[in-house]
Amino acid sequence: MSPGVLSYSATCIPVPALSRRQRTWIALYSLDAGHRDRAEVLQQNNVTEADLTEFEESWLQMRCRLDQ
């Protein structure tokens, strides 16, 4: 199996790993939803504070489009 690809065992279909931007967006949604342990959210999503800063604007833009 290629690096960066996950396998869903029930079907054995390769599933691409999430990008750093996607993992950061998930972390931002989690933090916005009120999860209090910021360090845990960052660790679970394998992102950093720098990633949050880098992708926060694109996350906000995406949220605005979804709210319309």
PDB file of N, CA and C in Angstrom:
ATOM      1  N   MET A   1       0.852  -1.177   0.000  1.00  0.00           N
ATOM      2  CA  MET A   1       0.000   0.000   0.000  1.00  0.00           C
ATOM      3  C   MET A   1       0.897   1.238   0.000  1.00  0.00           C
ATOM      4  N   SER A   2       0.498   2.273  -0.703  1.00  0.00           N
ATOM      5  CA  SER A   2       1.278   3.501  -0.800  1.00  0.00           C
ATOM      6  C   SER A   2       1.278   4.270   0.506  1.00  0.00           C
ATOM      7  N   PRO A   3       2.384   4.972   0.817  1.00  0.00           N
ATOM      8  CA  PRO A   3       2.378   5.827   2.010  1.00  0.00           C
ATOM      9  C   PRO A   3       1.307   6.904   1.873  1.00  0.00           C
ATOM     10  N   GLY A   4       0.699   7.276   2.972  1.00  0.00           N
ATOM     11  CA  GLY A   4      -0.329   8.312   2.943  1.00  0.00           C
ATOM     12  C   GLY A   4      -1.695   7.796   2.533  1.00  0.00           C
ATOM     13  N   VAL A   5      -1.836   6.481   2.416  1.00  0.00           N
ATOM     14  CA  VAL A   5      -3.121   5.899   2.042  1.00  0.00           C
ATOM     15  C   VAL A   5      -3.555   4.961   3.157  1.00  0.00           C
ATOM     16  N   LEU A   6      -4.789   5.104   3.584  1.00  0.00           N
ATOM     17  CA  LEU A   6      -5.346   4.227   4.604  1.00  0.00           C
ATOM     18  C   LEU A   6      -6.181   3.152   3.912  1.00  0.00           C
ATOM     19  N   SER A   7      -6.399   2.059   4.563  1.00  0.00           N
ATOM     20  CA  SER A   7      -7.237   1.000   4.004  1.00  0.00           C
ATOM     21  C   SER A   7      -8.434   0.791   4.912  1.00  0.00           C
ATOM     22  N   TYR A   8      -9.597   0.813   4.348  1.00  0.00           N
ATOM     23  CA  TYR A   8     -10.810   0.509   5.095  1.00  0.00           C
ATOM     24  C   TYR A   8     -11.004  -0.991   5.035  1.00  0.00           C
ATOM     25  N   SER A   9     -10.792  -1.671   6.144  1.00  0.00           N
ATOM     26  CA  SER A   9     -10.701  -3.130   6.149  1.00  0.00           C
ATOM     27  C   SER A   9     -11.987  -3.846   5.732  1.00  0.00           C
ATOM     28  N   ALA A  10     -13.135  -3.253   5.935  1.00  0.00           N
ATOM     29  CA  ALA A  10     -14.383  -3.931   5.590  1.00  0.00           C
ATOM     30  C   ALA A  10     -14.513  -4.145   4.089  1.00  0.00           C
ATOM     31  N   THR A  11     -13.928  -3.266   3.308  1.00  0.00           N
ATOM     32  CA  THR A  11     -14.050  -3.387   1.855  1.00  0.00           C
ATOM     33  C   THR A  11     -12.701  -3.509   1.164  1.00  0.00           C
ATOM     34  N   CYS A  12     -11.607  -3.284   1.908  1.00  0.00           N
ATOM     35  CA  CYS A  12     -10.245  -3.322   1.353  1.00  0.00           C
ATOM     36  C   CYS A  12     -10.050  -2.297   0.238  1.00  0.00           C
ATOM     37  N   ILE A  13     -10.793  -1.223   0.291  1.00  0.00           N
ATOM     38  CA  ILE A  13     -10.637  -0.137  -0.672  1.00  0.00           C
ATOM     39  C   ILE A  13      -9.692   0.886  -0.066  1.00  0.00           C
ATOM     40  N   PRO A  14      -8.617   1.240  -0.780  1.00  0.00           N
ATOM     41  CA  PRO A  14      -7.714   2.258  -0.235  1.00  0.00           C
ATOM     42  C   PRO A  14      -8.422   3.605  -0.109  1.00  0.00           C
ATOM     43  N   VAL A  15      -8.222   4.259   1.016  1.00  0.00           N
ATOM     44  CA  VAL A  15      -8.822   5.561   1.277  1.00  0.00           C
ATOM     45  C   VAL A  15      -7.682   6.557   1.474  1.00  0.00           C
ATOM     46  N   PRO A  16      -7.623   7.621   0.670  1.00  0.00           N
ATOM     47  CA  PRO A  16      -6.537   8.590   0.837  1.00  0.00           C
ATOM     48  C   PRO A  16      -6.556   9.211   2.232  1.00  0.00           C
ATOM     49  N   ALA A  17      -5.382   9.406   2.788  1.00  0.00           N
ATOM     50  CA  ALA A  17      -5.272  10.075   4.092  1.00  0.00           C
ATOM     51  C   ALA A  17      -5.698  11.531   3.950  1.00  0.00           C
ATOM     52  N   LEU A  18      -6.188  12.107   5.030  1.00  0.00           N
ATOM     53  CA  LEU A  18      -6.588  13.510   5.009  1.00  0.00           C
ATOM     54  C   LEU A  18      -5.356  14.405   4.904  1.00  0.00           C
ATOM     55  N   SER A  19      -5.519  15.500   4.203  1.00  0.00           N
ATOM     56  CA  SER A  19      -4.431  16.467   4.084  1.00  0.00           C
ATOM     57  C   SER A  19      -4.269  17.239   5.393  1.00  0.00           C
ATOM     58  N   ARG A  20      -3.166  17.929   5.528  1.00  0.00           N
ATOM     59  CA  ARG A  20      -2.936  18.761   6.718  1.00  0.00           C
ATOM     60  C   ARG A  20      -4.022  19.825   6.827  1.00  0.00           C
ATOM     61  N   ARG A  21      -4.427  20.415   5.709  1.00  0.00           N
ATOM     62  CA  ARG A  21      -5.498  21.424   5.721  1.00  0.00           C
ATOM     63  C   ARG A  21      -6.808  20.810   6.216  1.00  0.00           C
ATOM     64  N   GLN A  22      -7.155  19.630   5.726  1.00  0.00           N
ATOM     65  CA  GLN A  22      -8.398  18.988   6.155  1.00  0.00           C
ATOM     66  C   GLN A  22      -8.364  18.645   7.643  1.00  0.00           C
ATOM     67  N   ARG A  23      -7.226  18.118   8.119  1.00  0.00           N
ATOM     68  CA  ARG A  23      -7.105  17.808   9.543  1.00  0.00           C
ATOM     69  C   ARG A  23      -7.198  19.070  10.389  1.00  0.00           C
ATOM     70  N   THR A  24      -6.636  20.176   9.883  1.00  0.00           N
ATOM     71  CA  THR A  24      -6.712  21.449  10.608  1.00  0.00           C
ATOM     72  C   THR A  24      -8.139  21.954  10.647  1.00  0.00           C
ATOM     73  N   TRP A  25      -8.865  21.848   9.534  1.00  0.00           N
ATOM     74  CA  TRP A  25     -10.272  22.261   9.519  1.00  0.00           C
ATOM     75  C   TRP A  25     -11.072  21.451  10.539  1.00  0.00           C
ATOM     76  N   ILE A  26     -10.823  20.158  10.636  1.00  0.00           N
ATOM     77  CA  ILE A  26     -11.521  19.321  11.618  1.00  0.00           C
ATOM     78  C   ILE A  26     -11.210  19.813  13.028  1.00  0.00           C
ATOM     79  N   ALA A  27      -9.939  20.122  13.276  1.00  0.00           N
ATOM     80  CA  ALA A  27      -9.554  20.639  14.598  1.00  0.00           C
ATOM     81  C   ALA A  27     -10.258  21.963  14.886  1.00  0.00           C
ATOM     82  N   LEU A  28     -10.327  22.838  13.891  1.00  0.00           N
ATOM     83  CA  LEU A  28     -10.993  24.131  14.082  1.00  0.00           C
ATOM     84  C   LEU A  28     -12.486  23.937  14.377  1.00  0.00           C
ATOM     85  N   TYR A  29     -13.136  23.024  13.664  1.00  0.00           N
ATOM     86  CA  TYR A  29     -14.545  22.725  13.955  1.00  0.00           C
ATOM     87  C   TYR A  29     -14.701  22.191  15.368  1.00  0.00           C
ATOM     88  N   SER A  30     -13.809  21.318  15.774  1.00  0.00           N
ATOM     89  CA  SER A  30     -13.869  20.739  17.108  1.00  0.00           C
ATOM     90  C   SER A  30     -13.714  21.811  18.176  1.00  0.00           C
ATOM     91  N   LEU A  31     -12.735  22.689  17.992  1.00  0.00           N
ATOM     92  CA  LEU A  31     -12.525  23.775  18.955  1.00  0.00           C
ATOM     93  C   LEU A  31     -13.714  24.728  18.968  1.00  0.00           C
ATOM     94  N   ASP A  32     -14.263  25.019  17.792  1.00  0.00           N
ATOM     95  CA  ASP A  32     -15.419  25.904  17.696  1.00  0.00           C
ATOM     96  C   ASP A  32     -16.648  25.293  18.375  1.00  0.00           C
ATOM     97  N   ALA A  33     -16.720  23.962  18.373  1.00  0.00           N
ATOM     98  CA  ALA A  33     -17.849  23.259  18.992  1.00  0.00           C
ATOM     99  C   ALA A  33     -17.744  23.225  20.512  1.00  0.00           C
ATOM    100  N   GLY A  34     -16.638  23.737  21.038  1.00  0.00           N
ATOM    101  CA  GLY A  34     -16.530  23.855  22.477  1.00  0.00           C
ATOM    102  C   GLY A  34     -15.654  22.834  23.167  1.00  0.00           C
ATOM    103  N   HIS A  35     -14.915  22.041  22.399  1.00  0.00           N
ATOM    104  CA  HIS A  35     -13.991  21.114  23.052  1.00  0.00           C
ATOM    105  C   HIS A  35     -12.927  21.929  23.765  1.00  0.00           C
ATOM    106  N   ARG A  36     -12.804  21.723  25.038  1.00  0.00           N
ATOM    107  CA  ARG A  36     -11.985  22.578  25.892  1.00  0.00           C
ATOM    108  C   ARG A  36     -10.492  22.264  25.871  1.00  0.00           C
ATOM    109  N   ASP A  37     -10.143  21.005  25.652  1.00  0.00           N
ATOM    110  CA  ASP A  37      -8.734  20.625  25.727  1.00  0.00           C
ATOM    111  C   ASP A  37      -8.059  20.828  24.367  1.00  0.00           C
ATOM    112  N   ARG A  38      -7.568  22.043  24.166  1.00  0.00           N
ATOM    113  CA  ARG A  38      -6.970  22.431  22.890  1.00  0.00           C
ATOM    114  C   ARG A  38      -5.803  21.517  22.513  1.00  0.00           C
ATOM    115  N   ALA A  39      -4.943  21.209  23.474  1.00  0.00           N
ATOM    116  CA  ALA A  39      -3.778  20.360  23.200  1.00  0.00           C
ATOM    117  C   ALA A  39      -4.217  18.976  22.717  1.00  0.00           C
ATOM    118  N   GLU A  40      -5.265  18.442  23.310  1.00  0.00           N
ATOM    119  CA  GLU A  40      -5.775  17.134  22.902  1.00  0.00           C
ATOM    120  C   GLU A  40      -6.324  17.177  21.480  1.00  0.00           C
ATOM    121  N   VAL A  41      -7.069  18.230  21.152  1.00  0.00           N
ATOM    122  CA  VAL A  41      -7.617  18.375  19.800  1.00  0.00           C
ATOM    123  C   VAL A  41      -6.483  18.451  18.783  1.00  0.00           C
ATOM    124  N   LEU A  42      -5.449  19.220  19.098  1.00  0.00           N
ATOM    125  CA  LEU A  42      -4.309  19.332  18.188  1.00  0.00           C
ATOM    126  C   LEU A  42      -3.633  17.978  18.014  1.00  0.00           C
ATOM    127  N   GLN A  43      -3.428  17.279  19.103  1.00  0.00           N
ATOM    128  CA  GLN A  43      -2.758  15.978  19.052  1.00  0.00           C
ATOM    129  C   GLN A  43      -3.587  14.961  18.273  1.00  0.00           C
ATOM    130  N   GLN A  44      -4.879  14.902  18.536  1.00  0.00           N
ATOM    131  CA  GLN A  44      -5.749  13.933  17.852  1.00  0.00           C
ATOM    132  C   GLN A  44      -5.760  14.145  16.347  1.00  0.00           C
ATOM    133  N   ASN A  45      -5.615  15.383  15.918  1.00  0.00           N
ATOM    134  CA  ASN A  45      -5.664  15.697  14.489  1.00  0.00           C
ATOM    135  C   ASN A  45      -4.282  15.869  13.876  1.00  0.00           C
ATOM    136  N   ASN A  46      -3.237  15.685  14.695  1.00  0.00           N
ATOM    137  CA  ASN A  46      -1.857  15.788  14.239  1.00  0.00           C
ATOM    138  C   ASN A  46      -1.596  17.126  13.539  1.00  0.00           C
ATOM    139  N   VAL A  47      -2.005  18.215  14.213  1.00  0.00           N
ATOM    140  CA  VAL A  47      -1.776  19.565  13.702  1.00  0.00           C
ATOM    141  C   VAL A  47      -1.166  20.424  14.808  1.00  0.00           C
ATOM    142  N   THR A  48      -0.696  21.598  14.418  1.00  0.00           N
ATOM    143  CA  THR A  48      -0.044  22.513  15.354  1.00  0.00           C
ATOM    144  C   THR A  48      -0.803  23.834  15.416  1.00  0.00           C
ATOM    145  N   GLU A  49      -0.404  24.661  16.370  1.00  0.00           N
ATOM    146  CA  GLU A  49      -0.960  26.020  16.442  1.00  0.00           C
ATOM    147  C   GLU A  49      -0.677  26.778  15.146  1.00  0.00           C
ATOM    148  N   ALA A  50       0.507  26.556  14.579  1.00  0.00           N
ATOM    149  CA  ALA A  50       0.857  27.212  13.309  1.00  0.00           C
ATOM    150  C   ALA A  50      -0.095  26.782  12.192  1.00  0.00           C
ATOM    151  N   ASP A  51      -0.501  25.503  12.195  1.00  0.00           N
ATOM    152  CA  ASP A  51      -1.472  25.028  11.203  1.00  0.00           C
ATOM    153  C   ASP A  51      -2.813  25.742  11.388  1.00  0.00           C
ATOM    154  N   LEU A  52      -3.241  25.901  12.645  1.00  0.00           N
ATOM    155  CA  LEU A  52      -4.502  26.608  12.901  1.00  0.00           C
ATOM    156  C   LEU A  52      -4.443  28.015  12.330  1.00  0.00           C
ATOM    157  N   THR A  53      -3.333  28.694  12.561  1.00  0.00           N
ATOM    158  CA  THR A  53      -3.172  30.062  12.060  1.00  0.00           C
ATOM    159  C   THR A  53      -3.175  30.085  10.534  1.00  0.00           C
ATOM    160  N   GLU A  54      -2.449  29.140   9.941  1.00  0.00           N
ATOM    161  CA  GLU A  54      -2.325  29.108   8.478  1.00  0.00           C
ATOM    162  C   GLU A  54      -3.653  28.858   7.771  1.00  0.00           C
ATOM    163  N   PHE A  55      -4.481  27.989   8.330  1.00  0.00           N
ATOM    164  CA  PHE A  55      -5.699  27.569   7.633  1.00  0.00           C
ATOM    165  C   PHE A  55      -6.990  28.156   8.194  1.00  0.00           C
ATOM    166  N   GLU A  56      -6.899  28.994   9.219  1.00  0.00           N
ATOM    167  CA  GLU A  56      -8.114  29.540   9.821  1.00  0.00           C
ATOM    168  C   GLU A  56      -8.923  30.383   8.831  1.00  0.00           C
ATOM    169  N   GLU A  57      -8.259  31.204   8.037  1.00  0.00           N
ATOM    170  CA  GLU A  57      -8.991  32.057   7.092  1.00  0.00           C
ATOM    171  C   GLU A  57      -9.742  31.216   6.059  1.00  0.00           C
ATOM    172  N   SER A  58      -9.116  30.184   5.520  1.00  0.00           N
ATOM    173  CA  SER A  58      -9.800  29.342   4.531  1.00  0.00           C
ATOM    174  C   SER A  58     -10.953  28.586   5.175  1.00  0.00           C
ATOM    175  N   TRP A  59     -10.799  28.201   6.444  1.00  0.00           N
ATOM    176  CA  TRP A  59     -11.876  27.532   7.173  1.00  0.00           C
ATOM    177  C   TRP A  59     -13.067  28.488   7.358  1.00  0.00           C
ATOM    178  N   LEU A  60     -12.768  29.732   7.725  1.00  0.00           N
ATOM    179  CA  LEU A  60     -13.840  30.726   7.885  1.00  0.00           C
ATOM    180  C   LEU A  60     -14.553  30.990   6.566  1.00  0.00           C
ATOM    181  N   GLN A  61     -13.802  31.061   5.471  1.00  0.00           N
ATOM    182  CA  GLN A  61     -14.411  31.268   4.150  1.00  0.00           C
ATOM    183  C   GLN A  61     -15.320  30.097   3.796  1.00  0.00           C
ATOM    184  N   MET A  62     -14.863  28.889   4.064  1.00  0.00           N
ATOM    185  CA  MET A  62     -15.664  27.705   3.776  1.00  0.00           C
ATOM    186  C   MET A  62     -16.950  27.721   4.615  1.00  0.00           C
ATOM    187  N   ARG A  63     -16.843  28.074   5.873  1.00  0.00           N
ATOM    188  CA  ARG A  63     -18.021  28.130   6.741  1.00  0.00           C
ATOM    189  C   ARG A  63     -19.020  29.152   6.243  1.00  0.00           C
ATOM    190  N   CYS A  64     -18.534  30.293   5.781  1.00  0.00           N
ATOM    191  CA  CYS A  64     -19.442  31.327   5.258  1.00  0.00           C
ATOM    192  C   CYS A  64     -20.201  30.826   4.029  1.00  0.00           C
ATOM    193  N   ARG A  65     -19.510  30.085   3.168  1.00  0.00           N
ATOM    194  CA  ARG A  65     -20.171  29.537   1.967  1.00  0.00           C
ATOM    195  C   ARG A  65     -21.214  28.512   2.356  1.00  0.00           C
ATOM    196  N   LEU A  66     -20.943  27.711   3.378  1.00  0.00           N
ATOM    197  CA  LEU A  66     -21.888  26.679   3.798  1.00  0.00           C
ATOM    198  C   LEU A  66     -23.112  27.289   4.474  1.00  0.00           C
ATOM    199  N   ASP A  67     -22.956  28.449   5.097  1.00  0.00           N
ATOM    200  CA  ASP A  67     -24.064  29.104   5.796  1.00  0.00           C
ATOM    201  C   ASP A  67     -25.018  29.814   4.847  1.00  0.00           C
ATOM    202  N   GLN A  68     -24.617  29.998   3.616  1.00  0.00           N
ATOM    203  CA  GLN A  68     -25.454  30.762   2.669  1.00  0.00           C
ATOM    204  C   GLN A  68     -26.565  29.927   2.101  1.00  0.00           C
TER     205      GLN A  68
END
